[in-house]
Amino acid sequence: MSKKPKEAANPDLPGQEGKLSTEARRELEKLVGEELDVEQFTARKAAFLNAWLKDDVHRADDYLRDLGDELITQEERVGDWLLDAADPTKTVWPAIMRCIKRGEAWALAGEEAGEGEALQCLGCGYRALPPAGSEITPCHRCGYGCFRQVLPGQPSEGANKAE
């Protein structure tokens, strides 16, 4: 019969009675305590990151809203610049042709206003009553320089009318 060497008892493992040694118990309690500290730290860190992300999303939303407003403003400016640079005869001519085809009187900025002559802008529909004999100026609302002459009692055209 061969004899097996007797294994040395490990003090960190439960013995035959199923009990841990005092040293193993302290180590296990220390690990459990550290794990609880990590969980608390992680919860605080997660709460902080959550608040930070909410603030960041709110700021990004504000930034994008402001950026959209700025882009609309820039688009309007570019449109105005392009219209200013455009050949006025090409932008005014189709509107004048509509007046001619309908048999309506029309006027351009720079002409002299007649007595009691109301003008309706062909660009935006704004109505004005310039003093008789004064020079007709471009529309005060949109800057367009082509007008339909509106006779007393004649209805205005367009959705954007003002008197």
Protein backbone atom coordinates (compact mmCIF):
# COMPACT_ATOMS: atom_id res chain seq x y z
CA MET A 1 0.00 0.00 0.00
CA SER A 2 1.28 3.34 -0.91
CA LYS A 3 0.84 6.22 1.36
CA LYS A 4 -0.51 9.46 0.00
CA PRO A 5 1.24 12.50 1.28
CA LYS A 6 -0.98 14.41 3.63
CA GLU A 7 -2.04 17.69 2.08
CA ALA A 8 -1.37 20.77 4.09
CA ALA A 9 -4.56 22.34 5.34
CA ASN A 10 -5.32 25.71 3.66
CA PRO A 11 -6.44 28.12 6.38
CA ASP A 12 -8.49 30.18 3.84
CA LEU A 13 -10.73 27.26 2.82
CA PRO A 14 -13.55 25.90 4.92
CA GLY A 15 -12.46 23.08 7.08
CA GLN A 16 -14.26 19.84 7.56
CA GLU A 17 -16.68 21.59 9.82
CA GLY A 18 -17.60 24.06 6.98
CA LYS A 19 -16.27 27.10 8.83
CA LEU A 20 -13.95 29.75 7.44
CA SER A 21 -10.85 30.77 9.19
CA THR A 22 -10.79 34.19 10.81
CA GLU A 23 -8.35 35.55 8.21
CA ALA A 24 -10.49 34.33 5.30
CA ARG A 25 -13.59 35.82 6.92
CA ARG A 26 -11.88 39.24 7.26
CA GLU A 27 -10.72 39.14 3.64
CA LEU A 28 -14.20 38.22 2.45
CA GLU A 29 -15.80 41.02 4.50
CA LYS A 30 -13.24 43.46 3.16
CA LEU A 31 -14.03 42.43 -0.45
CA VAL A 32 -17.77 42.74 0.15
CA GLY A 33 -17.25 46.21 1.66
CA GLU A 34 -15.13 47.30 -1.30
CA GLU A 35 -17.76 45.98 -3.71
CA LEU A 36 -20.45 48.01 -1.94
CA ASP A 37 -18.24 51.12 -2.12
CA VAL A 38 -17.75 50.57 -5.85
CA GLU A 39 -21.52 50.17 -6.34
CA GLN A 40 -22.21 53.42 -4.45
CA PHE A 41 -19.49 55.22 -6.39
CA THR A 42 -20.88 53.85 -9.67
CA ALA A 43 -24.41 54.97 -8.74
CA ARG A 44 -23.21 58.49 -7.90
CA LYS A 45 -21.14 58.61 -11.07
CA ALA A 46 -24.08 57.38 -13.15
CA ALA A 47 -26.37 60.04 -11.62
CA PHE A 48 -23.77 62.72 -12.36
CA LEU A 49 -23.33 61.52 -15.95
CA ASN A 50 -27.10 61.38 -16.41
CA ALA A 51 -27.48 64.99 -15.23
CA TRP A 52 -24.55 66.07 -17.39
CA LEU A 53 -26.00 64.38 -20.48
CA LYS A 54 -29.43 65.96 -19.91
CA ASP A 55 -27.79 69.39 -19.66
CA ASP A 56 -25.71 68.69 -22.76
CA VAL A 57 -28.78 67.62 -24.76
CA HIS A 58 -30.63 70.76 -23.62
CA ARG A 59 -27.72 72.97 -24.69
CA ALA A 60 -27.41 71.14 -28.03
CA ASP A 61 -31.15 71.65 -28.63
CA ASP A 62 -30.81 75.39 -27.93
CA TYR A 63 -27.76 75.60 -30.18
CA LEU A 64 -29.49 73.82 -33.07
CA ARG A 65 -32.61 75.98 -32.69
CA ASP A 66 -30.48 79.14 -32.78
CA LEU A 67 -28.51 77.76 -35.71
CA GLY A 68 -31.75 77.09 -37.61
CA ASP A 69 -32.92 80.65 -36.98
CA GLU A 70 -29.57 81.97 -38.17
CA LEU A 71 -29.71 79.82 -41.31
CA ILE A 72 -33.18 81.15 -42.12
CA THR A 73 -31.90 84.69 -41.65
CA GLN A 74 -28.89 83.98 -43.89
CA GLU A 75 -31.18 82.41 -46.51
CA GLU A 76 -33.34 85.53 -46.54
CA ARG A 77 -30.28 87.77 -46.86
CA VAL A 78 -28.87 85.74 -49.73
CA GLY A 79 -32.28 85.85 -51.44
CA ASP A 80 -32.38 89.64 -51.07
CA TRP A 81 -28.84 89.96 -52.41
CA LEU A 82 -29.66 87.77 -55.41
CA LEU A 83 -32.82 89.76 -56.15
CA ASP A 84 -30.86 93.01 -55.84
CA ALA A 85 -28.25 91.67 -58.24
CA ALA A 86 -30.82 90.28 -60.68
CA ASP A 87 -31.67 92.17 -63.83
CA PRO A 88 -34.83 94.07 -62.82
CA THR A 89 -36.31 93.71 -66.28
CA LYS A 90 -36.32 89.93 -65.85
CA THR A 91 -37.99 90.04 -62.44
CA VAL A 92 -40.50 92.80 -63.25
CA TRP A 93 -41.37 91.79 -66.80
CA PRO A 94 -43.56 88.71 -65.98
CA ALA A 95 -45.62 90.76 -63.49
CA ILE A 96 -46.07 93.61 -65.97
CA MET A 97 -47.07 91.11 -68.66
CA ARG A 98 -49.82 89.77 -66.37
CA CYS A 99 -51.15 93.33 -65.98
CA ILE A 100 -50.98 93.94 -69.74
CA LYS A 101 -52.73 90.65 -70.55
CA ARG A 102 -55.52 91.52 -68.10
CA GLY A 103 -55.76 95.05 -69.45
CA GLU A 104 -54.83 96.57 -66.09
CA ALA A 105 -52.88 99.79 -65.65
CA TRP A 106 -49.45 99.43 -64.10
CA ALA A 107 -46.66 101.66 -62.86
CA LEU A 108 -42.97 101.37 -62.04
CA ALA A 109 -40.92 102.95 -59.29
CA GLY A 110 -39.53 106.26 -60.51
CA GLU A 111 -42.70 107.28 -62.36
CA GLU A 112 -44.96 110.08 -61.20
CA ALA A 113 -48.07 109.17 -59.20
CA GLY A 114 -51.42 110.39 -60.51
CA GLU A 115 -54.26 112.07 -58.60
CA GLY A 116 -56.05 109.58 -56.28
CA GLU A 117 -54.06 106.71 -57.73
CA ALA A 118 -53.74 103.72 -55.41
CA LEU A 119 -50.93 101.30 -56.14
CA GLN A 120 -50.71 97.61 -55.27
CA CYS A 121 -47.28 96.00 -55.18
CA LEU A 122 -47.05 93.09 -57.61
CA GLY A 123 -44.46 91.46 -55.34
CA CYS A 124 -46.31 91.27 -52.00
CA GLY A 125 -49.75 92.83 -52.56
CA TYR A 126 -49.15 95.86 -50.30
CA ARG A 127 -51.39 98.82 -51.19
CA ALA A 128 -50.22 102.42 -51.00
CA LEU A 129 -51.75 105.79 -51.88
CA PRO A 130 -48.85 108.08 -52.82
CA PRO A 131 -49.45 111.86 -52.99
CA ALA A 132 -50.33 113.12 -56.47
CA GLY A 133 -47.31 114.29 -58.45
CA SER A 134 -44.80 112.49 -56.17
CA GLU A 135 -42.28 110.00 -57.44
CA ILE A 136 -43.33 106.37 -56.94
CA THR A 137 -40.82 104.63 -54.68
CA PRO A 138 -40.21 100.88 -54.37
CA CYS A 139 -42.59 99.00 -52.09
CA HIS A 140 -42.01 99.81 -48.42
CA ARG A 141 -42.70 96.21 -47.42
CA CYS A 142 -40.73 94.13 -49.94
CA GLY A 143 -38.73 96.61 -52.04
CA TYR A 144 -40.35 95.55 -55.32
CA GLY A 145 -40.68 98.34 -57.88
CA CYS A 146 -43.63 97.20 -60.00
CA PHE A 147 -47.21 98.17 -59.12
CA ARG A 148 -50.69 97.56 -60.37
CA GLN A 149 -52.76 100.74 -60.46
CA VAL A 150 -55.92 100.22 -58.44
CA LEU A 151 -58.86 102.40 -59.36
CA PRO A 152 -61.35 103.49 -56.69
CA GLY A 153 -63.78 100.64 -55.97
CA GLN A 154 -61.55 98.09 -57.74
CA PRO A 155 -60.71 95.03 -55.57
CA SER A 156 -57.14 94.29 -54.60
CA GLU A 157 -55.34 91.12 -55.61
CA GLY A 158 -53.16 88.82 -53.54
CA ALA A 159 -53.33 87.53 -50.00
CA ASN A 160 -51.05 90.16 -48.44
CA LYS A 161 -53.09 93.32 -48.80
CA ALA A 162 -52.71 96.39 -46.63
CA GLU A 163 -54.02 99.89 -47.01
